[in-house]
C-alpha atoms as a PDB file:
ATOM      1  CA  MET A   1      11.290  34.041 -11.981  1.00  0.00           C
ATOM      2  CA  VAL A   2      10.311  30.510 -10.999  1.00  0.00           C
ATOM      3  CA  ARG A   3       8.033  31.850  -8.277  1.00  0.00           C
ATOM      4  CA  LEU A   4       6.103  33.948 -10.794  1.00  0.00           C
ATOM      5  CA  ARG A   5       5.344  30.829 -12.819  1.00  0.00           C
ATOM      6  CA  GLU A   6       3.954  29.288  -9.659  1.00  0.00           C
ATOM      7  CA  PHE A   7       2.015  32.193  -8.170  1.00  0.00           C
ATOM      8  CA  VAL A   8       0.460  33.782 -11.254  1.00  0.00           C
ATOM      9  CA  PRO A   9      -1.562  30.717 -12.330  1.00  0.00           C
ATOM     10  CA  ARG A  10      -2.596  30.169  -8.717  1.00  0.00           C
ATOM     11  CA  GLY A  11      -3.806  33.755  -8.549  1.00  0.00           C
ATOM     12  CA  TYR A  12      -5.788  33.290 -11.746  1.00  0.00           C
ATOM     13  CA  VAL A  13      -7.421  30.156 -10.341  1.00  0.00           C
ATOM     14  CA  PHE A  14      -8.356  31.946  -7.122  1.00  0.00           C
ATOM     15  CA  THR A  15      -9.752  34.861  -9.114  1.00  0.00           C
ATOM     16  CA  VAL A  16     -11.907  32.594 -11.282  1.00  0.00           C
ATOM     17  CA  VAL A  17     -13.135  30.699  -8.205  1.00  0.00           C
ATOM     18  CA  GLY A  18     -13.964  33.995  -6.486  1.00  0.00           C
ATOM     19  CA  ILE A  19     -15.914  35.210  -9.507  1.00  0.00           C
ATOM     20  CA  ALA A  20     -17.817  31.915  -9.709  1.00  0.00           C
ATOM     21  CA  VAL A  21     -18.681  32.002  -6.007  1.00  0.00           C
ATOM     22  CA  GLY A  22     -19.768  35.627  -6.306  1.00  0.00           C
ATOM     23  CA  LEU A  23     -22.021  34.861  -9.259  1.00  0.00           C
ATOM     24  CA  PHE A  24     -23.529  31.879  -7.444  1.00  0.00           C
ATOM     25  CA  LEU A  25     -24.212  33.911  -4.294  1.00  0.00           C
ATOM     26  CA  GLY A  26     -25.660  36.677  -6.445  1.00  0.00           C
ATOM     27  CA  PHE A  27     -28.083  34.229  -8.018  1.00  0.00           C
ATOM     28  CA  VAL A  28     -29.063  32.869  -4.575  1.00  0.00           C
ATOM     29  CA  VAL A  29     -29.668  36.336  -3.151  1.00  0.00           C
ATOM     30  CA  MET A  30     -31.605  37.493  -6.215  1.00  0.00           C
ATOM     31  CA  ALA A  31     -33.724  34.339  -6.144  1.00  0.00           C
ATOM     32  CA  GLY A  32     -34.505  35.023  -2.479  1.00  0.00           C
ATOM     33  CA  TYR A  33     -35.566  38.636  -3.067  1.00  0.00           C
ATOM     34  CA  TYR A  34     -37.311  38.076  -6.408  1.00  0.00           C
ATOM     35  CA  PRO A  35     -38.699  34.514  -6.343  1.00  0.00           C
ATOM     36  CA  GLY A  36     -40.415  34.704  -9.736  1.00  0.00           C
ATOM     37  CA  GLY A  37     -37.938  36.980 -11.468  1.00  0.00           C
ATOM     38  CA  GLU A  38     -35.299  36.095 -14.018  1.00  0.00           C
ATOM     39  CA  VAL A  39     -31.619  36.829 -13.610  1.00  0.00           C
ATOM     40  CA  HIS A  40     -29.484  37.445 -16.703  1.00  0.00           C
ATOM     41  CA  ILE A  41     -25.742  37.928 -16.945  1.00  0.00           C
ATOM     42  CA  GLN A  42     -24.475  40.477 -19.428  1.00  0.00           C
ATOM     43  CA  LEU A  43     -21.420  38.648 -20.703  1.00  0.00           C
ATOM     44  CA  ASP A  44     -19.827  41.705 -22.287  1.00  0.00           C
ATOM     45  CA  PHE A  45     -19.758  43.567 -18.956  1.00  0.00           C
ATOM     46  CA  LEU A  46     -18.700  40.438 -17.078  1.00  0.00           C
ATOM     47  CA  SER A  47     -15.804  39.809 -19.460  1.00  0.00           C
ATOM     48  CA  LEU A  48     -14.740  43.461 -19.223  1.00  0.00           C
ATOM     49  CA  ALA A  49     -14.796  43.303 -15.420  1.00  0.00           C
ATOM     50  CA  VAL A  50     -12.797  40.051 -15.376  1.00  0.00           C
ATOM     51  CA  ALA A  51     -10.226  41.477 -17.794  1.00  0.00           C
ATOM     52  CA  LEU A  52      -9.857  44.616 -15.663  1.00  0.00           C
ATOM     53  CA  ILE A  53      -9.415  42.476 -12.532  1.00  0.00           C
ATOM     54  CA  PHE A  54      -6.648  40.421 -14.160  1.00  0.00           C
ATOM     55  CA  VAL A  55      -4.835  43.454 -15.588  1.00  0.00           C
ATOM     56  CA  THR A  56      -5.048  45.359 -12.307  1.00  0.00           C
ATOM     57  CA  ALA A  57      -3.857  42.383 -10.259  1.00  0.00           C
ATOM     58  CA  ALA A  58      -0.924  41.799 -12.601  1.00  0.00           C
ATOM     59  CA  ALA A  59       0.035  45.472 -12.670  1.00  0.00           C
ATOM     60  CA  VAL A  60      -0.056  45.804  -8.910  1.00  0.00           C
ATOM     61  CA  THR A  61       1.755  42.583  -8.013  1.00  0.00           C
ATOM     62  CA  VAL A  62       4.362  41.925 -10.698  1.00  0.00           C
ATOM     63  CA  ALA A  63       6.539  45.017 -10.152  1.00  0.00           C
ATOM     64  CA  PRO A  64       7.037  44.481  -6.385  1.00  0.00           C
ATOM     65  CA  ALA A  65       7.615  40.759  -6.916  1.00  0.00           C
ATOM     66  CA  VAL A  66      10.340  41.414  -9.496  1.00  0.00           C
ATOM     67  CA  ALA A  67      11.970  44.016  -7.219  1.00  0.00           C
ATOM     68  CA  VAL A  68      12.032  41.603  -4.291  1.00  0.00           C
ATOM     69  CA  ALA A  69      13.301  38.771  -6.482  1.00  0.00           C
ATOM     70  CA  ARG A  70      16.308  40.912  -7.471  1.00  0.00           C
ATOM     71  CA  THR A  71      17.231  41.617  -3.830  1.00  0.00           C
ATOM     72  CA  ALA A  72      20.049  39.513  -2.417  1.00  0.00           C
ATOM     73  CA  PRO A  73      18.925  37.297   0.498  1.00  0.00           C
ATOM     74  CA  ALA A  74      21.579  38.731   2.849  1.00  0.00           C
ATOM     75  CA  GLN A  75      20.473  42.277   2.022  1.00  0.00           C
ATOM     76  CA  ALA A  76      16.823  41.402   2.636  1.00  0.00           C
ATOM     77  CA  LEU A  77      17.628  39.969   6.071  1.00  0.00           C
ATOM     78  CA  ARG A  78      19.804  42.884   7.167  1.00  0.00           C
ATOM     79  CA  LEU A  79      18.323  45.027   9.942  1.00  0.00           C
ATOM     80  CA  ILE A  80      17.792  48.627   8.887  1.00  0.00           C
ATOM     81  CA  ASP A  81      17.989  51.263  11.630  1.00  0.00           C
END
């Protein structure tokens, strides 16, 4: 359970950084294609997308992590034929 406390916040930080980089690159690309145009962010859709990303990432990664954490180290290292 200690590993979850370490990896989950790190995953959130990487997700937020990825979203920020994506928004920045989106602004750069849009400014290149539409030099005089305005770019607006719809915060309701952005917040919905971010929430769905966090929920999906948690749902996909927590169950396998808990299953592996419950496995004994000797059992995990045993060769299966």
